[in-house]
């Protein structure tokens, strides 16, 4: 890639200020065309905890005349401590910088992968504040006055943090303290259960996944109560085995162009017993803020119901973790009257079709 200026942007976080060693909690890289006036339209992309500063679409969209701020909140690499209201305040810092410093007249919120529900939550909070602090935490004043985006793009986007974790978690875990514990009747890797998985097993499995999420929520709330009045305000804990969505193992369930028996970490049976996974480490408040079906405000649908700006949903048809039903759920939940769903034949990270994806998004933005 040539002819692109990459500018480091470091700014304080409203809830956290600036690190003692000098680092700014909010950091990113602004991509723009070299030798051209400041772009009038700029994208911003952020994730719950993944580094998006060098997002794979940034150079492609900069080549097409846009600004692109790959933006990180202070939870980059620190998902175990994530709090939604704090993250929204940090995203607001990036949007303001685009408007007030970079000269952008229009801002496109790009919600990629897990960032789909996060950017939906940002736009929702900007137009109709509803996000509340998690149990026992103080309100963040900065989220009461967030600058809204002008366009919204959901790219290979999950339908929300609690939903995706629950769909992926292994409900055969019999003891949360023991990563090897297993209920054979629910074990997705026991050949006696499948694949292929019968309709009855699938129904029991999905119900047990929801029940596991609810048990962890009950325990987290009870632990917060137990800690009240002690020297500790919160604690860390592990969530084991979260690469067990039956669709990852059995390609006959919601068939698509995805590779069979694959997840983002490779073979599900191996990944499921590894140490890298969603929610693998959490604080009690992070579980309640991000992962709990009962208490999390990181579900996409309620926020998408307040997203009325023109919206584009792009689904990768060979995605191993975002399925057709997820993309259609995102599309259906959007309140925008002007909305469009497009399909790209590629896997989650669009490794083979990034120029085509950039062309698609470019054409849609120019039409608006």
Foldseek 3Di string as FASTA:
>chain_A
DPQKDKAKDADAFLVGGADPVGGHLKIAIKIAGHPDQQAQEEEEFEAQAAQQRPPPLQVLLRVVGYIYTRIYGSNHNPLQETFLQSRLSSVLVVVCCCVPPRPHNAYEYEQAAQSQLSLLLSQLLQVPNDDDGFPPDDHRVSSNHGDHGQEYEYEQYFQFQQVLQLLQAQLQAPDQVDLPHGDVLRGLPPPVCDVVHDPVSVVVNSVSSLVVLVVLLVVLVVVCVVCPPHPDNKDKDAGAFRGHRSCQAHCVVQHFQADHQAAPVGRSVVVRHDQDDPCRMHISRSCQQGHHPVRHPGRRLVSQLSAARAYEYEHARHESRQGPVRSVSSQVSHNHPHYYYYYDHDYSSPPPQSSVVSVVVVVVVVVD
